């Protein structure tokens, strides 16, 4: 393994902004896999479902926390993450930015 951590790591998430990636709002898990064989983030509906979206770590331009300005204000205590990456669609590279909560309680 590349790091001392046990991968893959699983995080329960809820989307705030999906950047028009159809169907991603139904996904509730972010799986971080940083092993020698696979270095990516996987967005899934649940643990046993197939990956809805795989984001290669090399394609990520920005990962940062942000202050929530829309959506459910009752969840403002949950960490909110903004993730910008390049997605290849029909041979074209498209810039995408998604925002989601990382849930504290499972």
N, C-alpha and C. Protein backbone atom coordinates (compact mmCIF):
# COMPACT_ATOMS: atom_id res chain seq x y z
N UNK A 1 0.83 -1.19 0.00
CA UNK A 1 0.00 0.00 0.00
C UNK A 1 0.87 1.25 0.00
N UNK A 2 0.29 2.34 -0.50
CA UNK A 2 1.02 3.59 -0.56
C UNK A 2 1.14 4.26 0.80
N UNK A 3 0.11 4.14 1.61
CA UNK A 3 0.08 4.81 2.90
C UNK A 3 -0.13 3.79 4.02
N UNK A 4 0.00 4.23 5.27
CA UNK A 4 -0.17 3.34 6.40
C UNK A 4 -1.64 3.07 6.74
N UNK A 5 -2.56 3.77 6.12
CA UNK A 5 -3.97 3.65 6.44
C UNK A 5 -4.58 2.40 5.82
N UNK A 6 -5.68 1.95 6.41
CA UNK A 6 -6.40 0.81 5.84
C UNK A 6 -7.42 1.34 4.84
N UNK A 7 -7.17 1.11 3.58
CA UNK A 7 -8.09 1.54 2.53
C UNK A 7 -8.80 0.33 1.97
N UNK A 8 -9.96 0.44 1.43
CA UNK A 8 -10.67 1.70 1.21
C UNK A 8 -11.36 2.22 2.46
N UNK A 9 -11.51 3.52 2.53
CA UNK A 9 -12.24 4.22 3.58
C UNK A 9 -13.63 4.57 3.06
N UNK A 10 -14.63 4.48 3.90
CA UNK A 10 -16.01 4.73 3.49
C UNK A 10 -16.55 5.92 4.27
N UNK A 11 -17.18 6.86 3.55
CA UNK A 11 -17.80 8.03 4.16
C UNK A 11 -19.25 8.10 3.69
N UNK A 12 -20.14 8.43 4.60
CA UNK A 12 -21.54 8.61 4.26
C UNK A 12 -21.74 10.09 3.93
N UNK A 13 -22.35 10.36 2.77
CA UNK A 13 -22.46 11.72 2.28
C UNK A 13 -23.89 12.04 1.86
N UNK A 14 -24.16 13.33 1.72
CA UNK A 14 -25.43 13.81 1.16
C UNK A 14 -25.11 14.99 0.28
N UNK A 15 -25.55 14.94 -0.97
CA UNK A 15 -25.21 15.98 -1.94
C UNK A 15 -25.99 17.26 -1.71
N UNK A 16 -25.30 18.38 -1.88
CA UNK A 16 -25.89 19.72 -1.85
C UNK A 16 -26.02 20.22 -3.28
N UNK A 17 -24.96 20.05 -4.08
CA UNK A 17 -24.93 20.49 -5.47
C UNK A 17 -24.27 19.41 -6.30
N UNK A 18 -24.97 18.93 -7.33
CA UNK A 18 -24.47 17.80 -8.13
C UNK A 18 -23.88 18.20 -9.47
N UNK A 19 -23.86 19.49 -9.81
CA UNK A 19 -23.31 20.00 -11.08
C UNK A 19 -23.92 19.28 -12.28
N UNK A 20 -25.21 19.01 -12.20
CA UNK A 20 -25.97 18.38 -13.29
C UNK A 20 -25.45 16.99 -13.68
N UNK A 21 -24.91 16.26 -12.72
CA UNK A 21 -24.55 14.86 -12.95
C UNK A 21 -25.78 14.05 -12.60
N UNK A 22 -26.57 13.72 -13.58
CA UNK A 22 -27.87 13.08 -13.37
C UNK A 22 -27.80 11.80 -12.56
N UNK A 23 -28.64 11.71 -11.53
CA UNK A 23 -28.75 10.51 -10.71
C UNK A 23 -27.80 10.43 -9.54
N UNK A 24 -26.84 11.33 -9.46
CA UNK A 24 -25.85 11.24 -8.39
C UNK A 24 -26.45 11.58 -7.02
N UNK A 25 -27.54 12.34 -7.00
CA UNK A 25 -28.17 12.70 -5.72
C UNK A 25 -28.66 11.49 -4.94
N UNK A 26 -28.91 10.36 -5.62
CA UNK A 26 -29.34 9.14 -4.94
C UNK A 26 -28.18 8.42 -4.24
N UNK A 27 -26.96 8.81 -4.54
CA UNK A 27 -25.78 8.16 -3.96
C UNK A 27 -25.55 8.68 -2.54
N UNK A 28 -25.15 7.77 -1.64
CA UNK A 28 -24.97 8.12 -0.23
C UNK A 28 -23.60 7.73 0.31
N UNK A 29 -22.73 7.19 -0.52
CA UNK A 29 -21.42 6.76 -0.03
C UNK A 29 -20.30 7.30 -0.91
N UNK A 30 -19.22 7.69 -0.25
CA UNK A 30 -17.99 8.05 -0.93
C UNK A 30 -16.93 7.09 -0.43
N UNK A 31 -16.34 6.35 -1.34
CA UNK A 31 -15.32 5.37 -0.98
C UNK A 31 -13.98 5.88 -1.51
N UNK A 32 -13.03 6.03 -0.61
CA UNK A 32 -11.69 6.50 -0.96
C UNK A 32 -10.80 5.27 -1.01
N UNK A 33 -10.26 4.98 -2.18
CA UNK A 33 -9.40 3.81 -2.37
C UNK A 33 -8.04 4.29 -2.86
N UNK A 34 -7.05 4.24 -2.00
CA UNK A 34 -5.70 4.70 -2.34
C UNK A 34 -4.70 3.56 -2.23
N UNK A 35 -5.04 2.43 -2.81
CA UNK A 35 -4.12 1.29 -2.83
C UNK A 35 -3.26 1.37 -4.08
N UNK A 36 -2.27 0.53 -4.17
CA UNK A 36 -1.37 0.55 -5.32
C UNK A 36 -2.11 0.26 -6.62
N UNK A 37 -3.15 -0.56 -6.56
CA UNK A 37 -3.88 -0.94 -7.76
C UNK A 37 -4.91 0.09 -8.20
N UNK A 38 -5.42 0.86 -7.28
CA UNK A 38 -6.47 1.82 -7.63
C UNK A 38 -6.35 3.07 -6.76
N UNK A 39 -6.30 4.21 -7.42
CA UNK A 39 -6.19 5.47 -6.71
C UNK A 39 -7.34 6.35 -7.19
N UNK A 40 -8.49 6.23 -6.51
CA UNK A 40 -9.67 6.96 -6.93
C UNK A 40 -10.67 7.13 -5.80
N UNK A 41 -11.64 8.00 -6.04
CA UNK A 41 -12.80 8.16 -5.18
C UNK A 41 -13.97 7.56 -5.93
N UNK A 42 -14.79 6.81 -5.24
CA UNK A 42 -15.95 6.16 -5.86
C UNK A 42 -17.22 6.63 -5.17
N UNK A 43 -18.18 7.10 -5.95
CA UNK A 43 -19.48 7.51 -5.41
C UNK A 43 -20.46 6.39 -5.71
N UNK A 44 -21.13 5.91 -4.65
CA UNK A 44 -22.05 4.77 -4.78
C UNK A 44 -23.35 5.01 -4.02
N UNK A 45 -24.37 4.25 -4.37
CA UNK A 45 -25.64 4.32 -3.64
C UNK A 45 -25.51 3.67 -2.28
N UNK A 46 -24.81 2.52 -2.21
CA UNK A 46 -24.57 1.82 -0.95
C UNK A 46 -23.33 0.97 -1.10
N UNK A 47 -22.97 0.25 -0.06
CA UNK A 47 -21.73 -0.56 -0.07
C UNK A 47 -21.69 -1.61 -1.17
N UNK A 48 -22.82 -2.21 -1.46
CA UNK A 48 -22.83 -3.33 -2.40
C UNK A 48 -23.16 -2.93 -3.83
N UNK A 49 -23.54 -1.68 -4.06
CA UNK A 49 -23.88 -1.25 -5.42
C UNK A 49 -22.62 -1.01 -6.23
N UNK A 50 -22.81 -1.00 -7.54
CA UNK A 50 -21.69 -0.66 -8.41
C UNK A 50 -21.41 0.83 -8.30
N UNK A 51 -20.23 1.21 -8.68
CA UNK A 51 -19.84 2.61 -8.62
C UNK A 51 -20.66 3.43 -9.60
N UNK A 52 -21.22 4.54 -9.14
CA UNK A 52 -21.96 5.45 -10.01
C UNK A 52 -20.99 6.39 -10.72
N UNK A 53 -19.95 6.81 -9.99
CA UNK A 53 -18.96 7.74 -10.52
C UNK A 53 -17.62 7.43 -9.89
N UNK A 54 -16.60 7.22 -10.71
CA UNK A 54 -15.23 7.07 -10.22
C UNK A 54 -14.46 8.33 -10.59
N UNK A 55 -13.79 8.89 -9.61
CA UNK A 55 -12.99 10.10 -9.82
C UNK A 55 -11.54 9.74 -9.54
N UNK A 56 -10.72 9.75 -10.58
CA UNK A 56 -9.31 9.47 -10.39
C UNK A 56 -8.68 10.61 -9.60
N UNK A 57 -7.82 10.28 -8.68
CA UNK A 57 -7.19 11.28 -7.83
C UNK A 57 -6.42 12.30 -8.69
N UNK A 58 -5.81 11.84 -9.79
CA UNK A 58 -5.07 12.74 -10.68
C UNK A 58 -5.96 13.79 -11.34
N UNK A 59 -7.27 13.52 -11.45
CA UNK A 59 -8.17 14.46 -12.13
C UNK A 59 -8.74 15.52 -11.18
N UNK A 60 -8.44 15.40 -9.88
CA UNK A 60 -8.98 16.34 -8.89
C UNK A 60 -8.13 17.62 -8.88
N UNK A 61 -8.81 18.76 -9.07
CA UNK A 61 -8.12 20.05 -9.02
C UNK A 61 -8.24 20.72 -7.66
N UNK A 62 -9.37 20.50 -6.96
CA UNK A 62 -9.57 21.21 -5.71
C UNK A 62 -10.45 20.39 -4.78
N UNK A 63 -10.05 20.32 -3.52
CA UNK A 63 -10.88 19.76 -2.45
C UNK A 63 -10.77 20.73 -1.29
N UNK A 64 -11.91 21.32 -0.90
CA UNK A 64 -11.86 22.26 0.21
C UNK A 64 -13.20 22.33 0.92
N UNK A 65 -13.17 22.68 2.20
CA UNK A 65 -14.42 22.89 2.92
C UNK A 65 -15.04 24.20 2.45
N UNK A 66 -16.35 24.33 2.61
CA UNK A 66 -16.98 25.58 2.24
C UNK A 66 -18.11 25.89 3.21
N UNK A 67 -18.48 27.14 3.24
CA UNK A 67 -19.58 27.60 4.08
C UNK A 67 -20.87 27.40 3.29
N UNK A 68 -21.80 26.72 3.87
CA UNK A 68 -23.06 26.43 3.20
C UNK A 68 -23.89 27.70 3.07
N UNK A 69 -24.34 28.01 1.85
CA UNK A 69 -25.17 29.19 1.64
C UNK A 69 -26.54 28.84 1.09
N UNK A 70 -26.77 27.56 0.77
CA UNK A 70 -28.09 27.14 0.32
C UNK A 70 -28.34 25.72 0.79
N UNK A 71 -29.55 25.28 0.70
CA UNK A 71 -29.88 23.92 1.11
C UNK A 71 -30.42 23.88 2.52
N UNK A 72 -30.23 22.77 3.19
CA UNK A 72 -30.80 22.51 4.50
C UNK A 72 -29.91 23.10 5.60
N UNK A 73 -30.34 24.21 6.19
CA UNK A 73 -29.54 24.87 7.21
C UNK A 73 -29.48 24.08 8.51
N UNK A 74 -30.35 23.10 8.69
CA UNK A 74 -30.30 22.27 9.89
C UNK A 74 -29.06 21.40 9.90
N UNK A 75 -28.42 21.25 8.75
CA UNK A 75 -27.24 20.40 8.65
C UNK A 75 -25.96 21.22 8.63
N UNK A 76 -26.02 22.49 8.99
CA UNK A 76 -24.85 23.35 8.88
C UNK A 76 -23.71 22.93 9.80
N UNK A 77 -23.99 22.08 10.80
CA UNK A 77 -22.93 21.60 11.67
C UNK A 77 -22.13 20.45 11.05
N UNK A 78 -22.67 19.85 10.00
CA UNK A 78 -21.95 18.78 9.31
C UNK A 78 -20.90 19.40 8.39
N UNK A 79 -19.73 18.79 8.28
CA UNK A 79 -18.72 19.31 7.35
C UNK A 79 -19.24 19.28 5.92
N UNK A 80 -19.00 20.34 5.18
CA UNK A 80 -19.38 20.41 3.77
C UNK A 80 -18.12 20.52 2.93
N UNK A 81 -18.05 19.72 1.87
CA UNK A 81 -16.85 19.63 1.03
C UNK A 81 -17.21 20.05 -0.40
N UNK A 82 -16.31 20.79 -1.03
CA UNK A 82 -16.41 21.11 -2.45
C UNK A 82 -15.29 20.38 -3.16
N UNK A 83 -15.63 19.63 -4.19
CA UNK A 83 -14.67 18.81 -4.92
C UNK A 83 -14.76 19.16 -6.40
N UNK A 84 -13.66 19.66 -6.98
CA UNK A 84 -13.61 19.99 -8.40
C UNK A 84 -12.70 18.99 -9.09
N UNK A 85 -13.16 18.50 -10.24
CA UNK A 85 -12.41 17.48 -10.98
C UNK A 85 -12.75 17.55 -12.45
N UNK A 86 -11.93 16.88 -13.27
CA UNK A 86 -12.20 16.76 -14.70
C UNK A 86 -12.86 15.41 -14.96
N UNK A 87 -13.90 15.45 -15.76
CA UNK A 87 -14.60 14.23 -16.15
C UNK A 87 -14.53 14.13 -17.67
N UNK A 88 -14.18 12.96 -18.18
CA UNK A 88 -14.13 12.75 -19.63
C UNK A 88 -15.49 12.24 -20.09
N UNK A 89 -16.13 13.01 -20.97
CA UNK A 89 -17.44 12.66 -21.51
C UNK A 89 -17.36 12.71 -23.02
N UNK A 90 -17.59 11.59 -23.67
CA UNK A 90 -17.53 11.50 -25.13
C UNK A 90 -16.21 12.04 -25.68
N UNK A 91 -15.12 11.75 -24.99
CA UNK A 91 -13.80 12.17 -25.43
C UNK A 91 -13.42 13.59 -25.04
N UNK A 92 -14.36 14.36 -24.50
CA UNK A 92 -14.09 15.73 -24.09
C UNK A 92 -13.90 15.81 -22.57
N UNK A 93 -12.94 16.64 -22.14
CA UNK A 93 -12.75 16.85 -20.71
C UNK A 93 -13.68 17.97 -20.26
N UNK A 94 -14.47 17.69 -19.22
CA UNK A 94 -15.43 18.65 -18.69
C UNK A 94 -15.10 18.90 -17.23
N UNK A 95 -15.06 20.16 -16.83
CA UNK A 95 -14.83 20.52 -15.44
C UNK A 95 -16.12 20.35 -14.65
N UNK A 96 -16.08 19.62 -13.55
CA UNK A 96 -17.24 19.40 -12.69
C UNK A 96 -16.89 19.81 -11.26
N UNK A 97 -17.87 20.33 -10.55
CA UNK A 97 -17.72 20.67 -9.14
C UNK A 97 -18.94 20.16 -8.39
N UNK A 98 -18.71 19.31 -7.41
CA UNK A 98 -19.80 18.78 -6.60
C UNK A 98 -19.59 19.24 -5.16
N UNK A 99 -20.70 19.39 -4.46
CA UNK A 99 -20.65 19.77 -3.04
C UNK A 99 -21.50 18.78 -2.26
N UNK A 100 -21.00 18.40 -1.10
CA UNK A 100 -21.74 17.42 -0.30
C UNK A 100 -21.38 17.55 1.17
N UNK A 101 -22.31 17.09 2.00
CA UNK A 101 -22.07 16.96 3.45
C UNK A 101 -21.41 15.63 3.70
N UNK A 102 -20.53 15.60 4.68
CA UNK A 102 -20.04 14.33 5.21
C UNK A 102 -20.79 14.12 6.50
N UNK A 103 -21.60 13.07 6.55
CA UNK A 103 -22.48 12.84 7.70
C UNK A 103 -21.68 12.37 8.91
N UNK A 104 -21.98 12.93 10.06
CA UNK A 104 -21.33 12.53 11.30
C UNK A 104 -21.95 11.26 11.85
N UNK A 105 -23.27 11.16 11.78
CA UNK A 105 -23.98 10.01 12.32
C UNK A 105 -24.36 9.05 11.20
N UNK A 106 -24.12 7.78 11.40
CA UNK A 106 -24.42 6.79 10.36
C UNK A 106 -25.84 6.32 10.43
